[in-house]
Amino acid sequence: MKKSILVDIPIITDYLKTGKGVLPAAYEQFSMNIASTTYSELLASQTFTDPSLETEVKDFVKKYFSVIDIDSAIAMEAAVILRSSDLTLATALVAATAKVKNLEILT
């Protein structure tokens, strides 16, 4: 069974833009997850306002990633992170997801 990791958005966008990067190698080694905030950020890109491109991205995520939803434990951990840092809410939620789910982040 593959070790699970949490993949951050720059890894995904780099692959989607160039077709290159570390994502293919990571897929071979790891079971890949993304935080639901990462999924939102990805779909919020102006690049994907075209419905067919948005569908392609949704299909890509569905095929290669498990999406981890924010629950109360993740929300509380993100609040702790936000109080002690200058991170954005999205970044704090990704970090909190990794911490609560005990996952390393690929970023």
C-alpha atoms as a PDB file:
ATOM      1  CA  MET A   1       0.000   0.000   0.000  1.00  0.00           C
ATOM      2  CA  LYS A   2       1.291   3.450  -0.952  1.00  0.00           C
ATOM      3  CA  LYS A   3       2.051   6.067   1.677  1.00  0.00           C
ATOM      4  CA  SER A   4      -0.437   8.959   1.618  1.00  0.00           C
ATOM      5  CA  ILE A   5       0.644  12.557   1.077  1.00  0.00           C
ATOM      6  CA  LEU A   6      -1.084  15.914   0.779  1.00  0.00           C
ATOM      7  CA  VAL A   7      -0.325  17.712  -2.486  1.00  0.00           C
ATOM      8  CA  ASP A   8      -0.268  21.509  -2.478  1.00  0.00           C
ATOM      9  CA  ILE A   9      -1.606  23.596  -5.349  1.00  0.00           C
ATOM     10  CA  PRO A  10       1.722  24.716  -6.920  1.00  0.00           C
ATOM     11  CA  ILE A  11       2.575  21.081  -7.697  1.00  0.00           C
ATOM     12  CA  ILE A  12      -0.758  20.602  -9.472  1.00  0.00           C
ATOM     13  CA  THR A  13      -0.778  23.891 -11.368  1.00  0.00           C
ATOM     14  CA  ASP A  14       2.806  23.363 -12.518  1.00  0.00           C
ATOM     15  CA  TYR A  15       1.813  20.015 -13.993  1.00  0.00           C
ATOM     16  CA  LEU A  16      -1.402  21.319 -15.563  1.00  0.00           C
ATOM     17  CA  LYS A  17       0.411  24.256 -17.175  1.00  0.00           C
ATOM     18  CA  THR A  18       3.506  22.434 -18.419  1.00  0.00           C
ATOM     19  CA  GLY A  19       2.763  18.713 -18.393  1.00  0.00           C
ATOM     20  CA  LYS A  20       5.974  18.397 -16.367  1.00  0.00           C
ATOM     21  CA  GLY A  21       7.055  18.530 -12.769  1.00  0.00           C
ATOM     22  CA  VAL A  22       7.114  16.137  -9.848  1.00  0.00           C
ATOM     23  CA  LEU A  23       3.466  15.094  -9.961  1.00  0.00           C
ATOM     24  CA  PRO A  24       3.860  11.993 -12.200  1.00  0.00           C
ATOM     25  CA  ALA A  25       6.684  10.633 -10.037  1.00  0.00           C
ATOM     26  CA  ALA A  26       4.688  11.393  -6.891  1.00  0.00           C
ATOM     27  CA  TYR A  27       1.709   9.513  -8.302  1.00  0.00           C
ATOM     28  CA  GLU A  28       3.876   6.425  -8.785  1.00  0.00           C
ATOM     29  CA  GLN A  29       5.083   6.542  -5.180  1.00  0.00           C
ATOM     30  CA  PHE A  30       2.201   7.936  -3.143  1.00  0.00           C
ATOM     31  CA  SER A  31      -1.520   7.894  -2.608  1.00  0.00           C
ATOM     32  CA  MET A  32      -2.296  11.543  -3.328  1.00  0.00           C
ATOM     33  CA  ASN A  33      -4.707  13.762  -1.422  1.00  0.00           C
ATOM     34  CA  ILE A  34      -5.629  17.414  -1.654  1.00  0.00           C
ATOM     35  CA  ALA A  35      -7.362  19.652   0.854  1.00  0.00           C
ATOM     36  CA  SER A  36     -10.795  20.872  -0.201  1.00  0.00           C
ATOM     37  CA  THR A  37      -9.375  24.416  -0.110  1.00  0.00           C
ATOM     38  CA  THR A  38      -6.798  23.396  -2.715  1.00  0.00           C
ATOM     39  CA  TYR A  39      -9.598  22.042  -4.882  1.00  0.00           C
ATOM     40  CA  SER A  40     -11.464  25.356  -4.554  1.00  0.00           C
ATOM     41  CA  GLU A  41      -8.353  27.362  -5.390  1.00  0.00           C
ATOM     42  CA  LEU A  42      -7.701  25.205  -8.419  1.00  0.00           C
ATOM     43  CA  LEU A  43     -11.229  25.578  -9.790  1.00  0.00           C
ATOM     44  CA  ALA A  44     -11.256  29.316  -9.021  1.00  0.00           C
ATOM     45  CA  SER A  45      -8.495  29.922 -11.568  1.00  0.00           C
ATOM     46  CA  GLN A  46      -9.562  32.177 -14.423  1.00  0.00           C
ATOM     47  CA  THR A  47      -8.004  29.580 -16.718  1.00  0.00           C
ATOM     48  CA  PHE A  48     -10.858  27.223 -15.993  1.00  0.00           C
ATOM     49  CA  THR A  49     -13.808  29.523 -16.683  1.00  0.00           C
ATOM     50  CA  ASP A  50     -14.240  27.590 -19.921  1.00  0.00           C
ATOM     51  CA  PRO A  51     -16.708  24.808 -18.981  1.00  0.00           C
ATOM     52  CA  SER A  52     -14.829  22.108 -20.910  1.00  0.00           C
ATOM     53  CA  LEU A  53     -11.536  22.951 -19.186  1.00  0.00           C
ATOM     54  CA  GLU A  54     -13.270  22.990 -15.806  1.00  0.00           C
ATOM     55  CA  THR A  55     -14.688  19.533 -16.528  1.00  0.00           C
ATOM     56  CA  GLU A  56     -11.220  18.282 -17.483  1.00  0.00           C
ATOM     57  CA  VAL A  57      -9.780  19.565 -14.199  1.00  0.00           C
ATOM     58  CA  LYS A  58     -12.600  17.996 -12.184  1.00  0.00           C
ATOM     59  CA  ASP A  59     -12.028  14.678 -13.950  1.00  0.00           C
ATOM     60  CA  PHE A  60      -8.266  14.979 -13.368  1.00  0.00           C
ATOM     61  CA  VAL A  61      -8.769  15.572  -9.636  1.00  0.00           C
ATOM     62  CA  LYS A  62     -11.287  12.748  -9.365  1.00  0.00           C
ATOM     63  CA  LYS A  63      -8.898  10.322 -11.087  1.00  0.00           C
ATOM     64  CA  TYR A  64      -5.701  11.138  -9.192  1.00  0.00           C
ATOM     65  CA  PHE A  65      -6.640  12.596  -5.796  1.00  0.00           C
ATOM     66  CA  SER A  66      -8.794  12.065  -2.750  1.00  0.00           C
ATOM     67  CA  VAL A  67     -10.222  15.374  -1.555  1.00  0.00           C
ATOM     68  CA  ILE A  68     -10.097  15.854   2.216  1.00  0.00           C
ATOM     69  CA  ASP A  69     -12.983  17.974   3.454  1.00  0.00           C
ATOM     70  CA  ILE A  70     -12.546  20.530   6.205  1.00  0.00           C
ATOM     71  CA  ASP A  71     -14.017  19.318   9.464  1.00  0.00           C
ATOM     72  CA  SER A  72     -14.109  20.929  12.893  1.00  0.00           C
ATOM     73  CA  ALA A  73     -10.715  19.502  13.912  1.00  0.00           C
ATOM     74  CA  ILE A  74      -9.064  20.958  10.802  1.00  0.00           C
ATOM     75  CA  ALA A  75     -10.851  24.285  11.281  1.00  0.00           C
ATOM     76  CA  MET A  76      -9.691  24.528  14.897  1.00  0.00           C
ATOM     77  CA  GLU A  77      -6.093  23.660  13.966  1.00  0.00           C
ATOM     78  CA  ALA A  78      -6.165  26.268  11.178  1.00  0.00           C
ATOM     79  CA  ALA A  79      -7.297  28.865  13.720  1.00  0.00           C
ATOM     80  CA  VAL A  80      -4.314  28.012  15.941  1.00  0.00           C
ATOM     81  CA  ILE A  81      -1.982  28.314  12.946  1.00  0.00           C
ATOM     82  CA  LEU A  82      -3.508  31.643  11.887  1.00  0.00           C
ATOM     83  CA  ARG A  83      -3.112  33.143  15.364  1.00  0.00           C
ATOM     84  CA  SER A  84       0.591  32.365  15.385  1.00  0.00           C
ATOM     85  CA  SER A  85       1.564  33.186  11.800  1.00  0.00           C
ATOM     86  CA  ASP A  86       0.978  35.520   8.889  1.00  0.00           C
ATOM     87  CA  LEU A  87      -0.286  32.778   6.580  1.00  0.00           C
ATOM     88  CA  THR A  88      -3.406  33.109   4.461  1.00  0.00           C
ATOM     89  CA  LEU A  89      -6.509  31.188   5.463  1.00  0.00           C
ATOM     90  CA  ALA A  90      -6.091  28.815   2.504  1.00  0.00           C
ATOM     91  CA  THR A  91      -2.489  28.019   3.434  1.00  0.00           C
ATOM     92  CA  ALA A  92      -3.394  27.571   7.094  1.00  0.00           C
ATOM     93  CA  LEU A  93      -6.159  25.152   6.115  1.00  0.00           C
ATOM     94  CA  VAL A  94      -3.752  23.094   4.002  1.00  0.00           C
ATOM     95  CA  ALA A  95      -1.233  23.000   6.866  1.00  0.00           C
ATOM     96  CA  ALA A  96      -3.967  22.098   9.345  1.00  0.00           C
ATOM     97  CA  THR A  97      -5.234  19.335   7.079  1.00  0.00           C
ATOM     98  CA  ALA A  98      -1.746  17.851   6.915  1.00  0.00           C
ATOM     99  CA  LYS A  99      -1.284  18.093  10.662  1.00  0.00           C
ATOM    100  CA  VAL A 100      -4.668  16.664  11.635  1.00  0.00           C
ATOM    101  CA  LYS A 101      -4.487  13.855   9.066  1.00  0.00           C
ATOM    102  CA  ASN A 102      -0.806  13.213   9.818  1.00  0.00           C
ATOM    103  CA  LEU A 103       0.267  13.704   6.209  1.00  0.00           C
ATOM    104  CA  GLU A 104       3.424  15.134   4.716  1.00  0.00           C
ATOM    105  CA  ILE A 105       2.880  18.000   2.272  1.00  0.00           C
ATOM    106  CA  LEU A 106       4.295  17.912  -1.237  1.00  0.00           C
ATOM    107  CA  THR A 107       4.839  21.559  -2.109  1.00  0.00           C
END
